[in-house]
Structures are given as structure tokens and as C-alpha cells.
C-alpha atoms as a PDB file:
ATOM      1  CA  MET A   1      46.396 -55.100 139.671  1.00  0.00           C
ATOM      2  CA  THR A   2      44.469 -52.467 137.733  1.00  0.00           C
ATOM      3  CA  ARG A   3      46.410 -49.224 137.189  1.00  0.00           C
ATOM      4  CA  LEU A   4      45.658 -45.816 135.758  1.00  0.00           C
ATOM      5  CA  TYR A   5      47.729 -44.465 132.886  1.00  0.00           C
ATOM      6  CA  MET A   6      47.849 -41.004 131.372  1.00  0.00           C
ATOM      7  CA  VAL A   7      48.472 -41.519 127.677  1.00  0.00           C
ATOM      8  CA  LEU A   8      49.776 -38.564 125.695  1.00  0.00           C
ATOM      9  CA  GLU A   9      49.089 -39.038 122.009  1.00  0.00           C
ATOM     10  CA  ARG A  10      50.790 -36.874 119.393  1.00  0.00           C
ATOM     11  CA  PHE A  11      49.031 -37.188 116.051  1.00  0.00           C
ATOM     12  CA  ARG A  12      51.634 -37.965 113.376  1.00  0.00           C
ATOM     13  CA  GLY A  13      52.099 -34.961 111.114  1.00  0.00           C
ATOM     14  CA  GLY A  14      49.860 -32.976 113.474  1.00  0.00           C
ATOM     15  CA  ASP A  15      46.867 -34.467 111.641  1.00  0.00           C
ATOM     16  CA  ALA A  16      43.941 -35.691 113.746  1.00  0.00           C
ATOM     17  CA  ALA A  17      41.696 -36.553 110.766  1.00  0.00           C
ATOM     18  CA  PRO A  18      43.060 -40.094 110.120  1.00  0.00           C
ATOM     19  CA  VAL A  19      42.771 -40.926 113.829  1.00  0.00           C
ATOM     20  CA  TYR A  20      39.126 -39.879 114.020  1.00  0.00           C
ATOM     21  CA  GLU A  21      38.351 -41.620 110.728  1.00  0.00           C
ATOM     22  CA  ARG A  22      39.730 -44.928 112.034  1.00  0.00           C
ATOM     23  CA  TYR A  23      37.893 -44.433 115.326  1.00  0.00           C
ATOM     24  CA  ARG A  24      34.583 -43.964 113.460  1.00  0.00           C
ATOM     25  CA  GLU A  25      35.263 -47.098 111.384  1.00  0.00           C
ATOM     26  CA  ARG A  26      36.670 -49.440 114.043  1.00  0.00           C
ATOM     27  CA  GLY A  27      36.075 -47.945 117.494  1.00  0.00           C
ATOM     28  CA  ARG A  28      38.827 -47.829 120.106  1.00  0.00           C
ATOM     29  CA  MET A  29      40.112 -51.339 119.328  1.00  0.00           C
ATOM     30  CA  MET A  30      40.987 -52.069 122.971  1.00  0.00           C
ATOM     31  CA  PRO A  31      41.670 -55.569 124.228  1.00  0.00           C
ATOM     32  CA  GLN A  32      39.681 -56.882 127.169  1.00  0.00           C
ATOM     33  CA  GLY A  33      41.265 -55.594 130.374  1.00  0.00           C
ATOM     34  CA  VAL A  34      41.756 -52.044 129.038  1.00  0.00           C
ATOM     35  CA  GLU A  35      39.207 -49.357 129.858  1.00  0.00           C
ATOM     36  CA  TYR A  36      38.910 -45.844 128.447  1.00  0.00           C
ATOM     37  CA  VAL A  37      38.171 -43.374 131.292  1.00  0.00           C
ATOM     38  CA  ASP A  38      38.204 -39.923 129.654  1.00  0.00           C
ATOM     39  CA  SER A  39      40.172 -37.768 127.226  1.00  0.00           C
ATOM     40  CA  TRP A  40      41.013 -34.193 126.303  1.00  0.00           C
ATOM     41  CA  VAL A  41      42.342 -32.778 123.030  1.00  0.00           C
ATOM     42  CA  ASP A  42      44.422 -29.618 122.713  1.00  0.00           C
ATOM     43  CA  ASP A  43      42.989 -26.625 120.863  1.00  0.00           C
ATOM     44  CA  GLY A  44      45.248 -27.234 117.864  1.00  0.00           C
ATOM     45  CA  LEU A  45      44.001 -30.819 117.394  1.00  0.00           C
ATOM     46  CA  THR A  46      47.570 -32.124 117.490  1.00  0.00           C
ATOM     47  CA  ARG A  47      47.588 -33.945 120.852  1.00  0.00           C
ATOM     48  CA  CYS A  48      45.188 -36.017 122.904  1.00  0.00           C
ATOM     49  CA  PHE A  49      45.481 -36.791 126.614  1.00  0.00           C
ATOM     50  CA  GLN A  50      43.715 -40.021 127.526  1.00  0.00           C
ATOM     51  CA  LEU A  51      43.181 -41.479 130.955  1.00  0.00           C
ATOM     52  CA  MET A  52      43.120 -45.267 130.650  1.00  0.00           C
ATOM     53  CA  ARG A  53      42.734 -48.097 133.147  1.00  0.00           C
ATOM     54  CA  ALA A  54      44.451 -51.423 132.471  1.00  0.00           C
ATOM     55  CA  ASP A  55      44.879 -54.705 134.283  1.00  0.00           C
ATOM     56  CA  ASP A  56      48.352 -55.074 132.786  1.00  0.00           C
ATOM     57  CA  ARG A  57      50.664 -52.668 130.938  1.00  0.00           C
ATOM     58  CA  ALA A  58      51.140 -55.298 128.224  1.00  0.00           C
ATOM     59  CA  LEU A  59      47.437 -54.995 127.387  1.00  0.00           C
ATOM     60  CA  LEU A  60      47.850 -51.250 126.983  1.00  0.00           C
ATOM     61  CA  ASP A  61      50.737 -51.941 124.593  1.00  0.00           C
ATOM     62  CA  GLU A  62      48.415 -54.174 122.532  1.00  0.00           C
ATOM     63  CA  TRP A  63      45.995 -51.257 122.213  1.00  0.00           C
ATOM     64  CA  ILE A  64      48.826 -48.873 121.283  1.00  0.00           C
ATOM     65  CA  ALA A  65      49.920 -51.251 118.492  1.00  0.00           C
ATOM     66  CA  ASN A  66      46.543 -50.679 116.812  1.00  0.00           C
ATOM     67  CA  TRP A  67      47.251 -46.953 116.528  1.00  0.00           C
ATOM     68  CA  ASP A  68      51.014 -46.438 116.391  1.00  0.00           C
ATOM     69  CA  ASP A  69      51.011 -45.887 112.623  1.00  0.00           C
ATOM     70  CA  LEU A  70      48.933 -42.719 113.210  1.00  0.00           C
ATOM     71  CA  VAL A  71      49.983 -41.660 116.708  1.00  0.00           C
ATOM     72  CA  GLU A  72      53.166 -41.320 118.772  1.00  0.00           C
ATOM     73  CA  PHE A  73      52.549 -42.389 122.382  1.00  0.00           C
ATOM     74  CA  GLU A  74      53.927 -41.466 125.780  1.00  0.00           C
ATOM     75  CA  VAL A  75      52.502 -43.488 128.692  1.00  0.00           C
ATOM     76  CA  VAL A  76      52.758 -42.374 132.315  1.00  0.00           C
ATOM     77  CA  PRO A  77      51.446 -44.493 135.213  1.00  0.00           C
ATOM     78  CA  VAL A  78      49.412 -42.149 137.449  1.00  0.00           C
ATOM     79  CA  MET A  79      47.338 -42.224 140.634  1.00  0.00           C
ATOM     80  CA  SER A  80      44.649 -40.001 142.061  1.00  0.00           C
ATOM     81  CA  SER A  81      45.653 -37.101 144.306  1.00  0.00           C
ATOM     82  CA  ALA A  82      43.949 -38.866 147.223  1.00  0.00           C
ATOM     83  CA  ASP A  83      46.022 -42.016 146.623  1.00  0.00           C
ATOM     84  CA  ALA A  84      49.197 -39.940 146.318  1.00  0.00           C
ATOM     85  CA  ASN A  85      48.395 -38.201 149.584  1.00  0.00           C
ATOM     86  CA  ALA A  86      47.830 -41.532 151.320  1.00  0.00           C
ATOM     87  CA  SER A  87      51.080 -42.931 149.867  1.00  0.00           C
ATOM     88  CA  ALA A  88      52.960 -39.865 151.149  1.00  0.00           C
ATOM     89  CA  GLY A  89      51.585 -40.397 154.653  1.00  0.00           C
ATOM     90  CA  GLY A  90      49.012 -37.593 154.515  1.00  0.00           C
ATOM     91  CA  ALA A  91      45.677 -37.682 156.263  1.00  0.00           C
ATOM     92  CA  ASP A  92      42.358 -36.460 154.877  1.00  0.00           C
ATOM     93  CA  ARG A  93      43.940 -33.946 152.499  1.00  0.00           C
ATOM     94  CA  ALA A  94      43.990 -34.122 148.715  1.00  0.00           C
END
């Protein structure tokens, strides 16, 4: 089952430059079954919040292994507000 994950990345040493350099050289380096949805970076360029979709959490861990020398990761499974509302028994409210 495909799931959404909010991935909080903390750039090691607060330095985003090595992360962006590797990205320019190698791309996202994601295995098949992992999809980048969108991302946001804090104003200080020390953290990135990425929304990812993955068929299996293990695939997300493969992607993380490509970056864990430059980034500390926190991964939180998430769902849309509409899905949360439906799961909580709500009707037509988000």
C-alpha cells in the first residue's frame, strides 16, 4: 500500500551546501517505488521538510541511506486532512 511520509531533514552541521551539491551531481537517488511530492526549507537553510510517497517504508529507508552522511532524518507517516476526517468518522468536513 502506498503511504505518505513527512520527512524532516536536519542538515548536519547546519550546512545545506553539501546536500545541494550532491543533489546537483546525482539527483534525488530514490529507488523505484519512492516518489518526491514537494518540499519546504526553513529560512535558516538548516532543515528541509519533504513530503514523500512510498510503496514500502523499507524503500524510503534505502533512499535515506543515500543521504544519511549529510542529513539527520525523522520520518512521520501522515495522511491528508480529508483522510483523517474520514478515519475519525467525520462527514464532508476537512
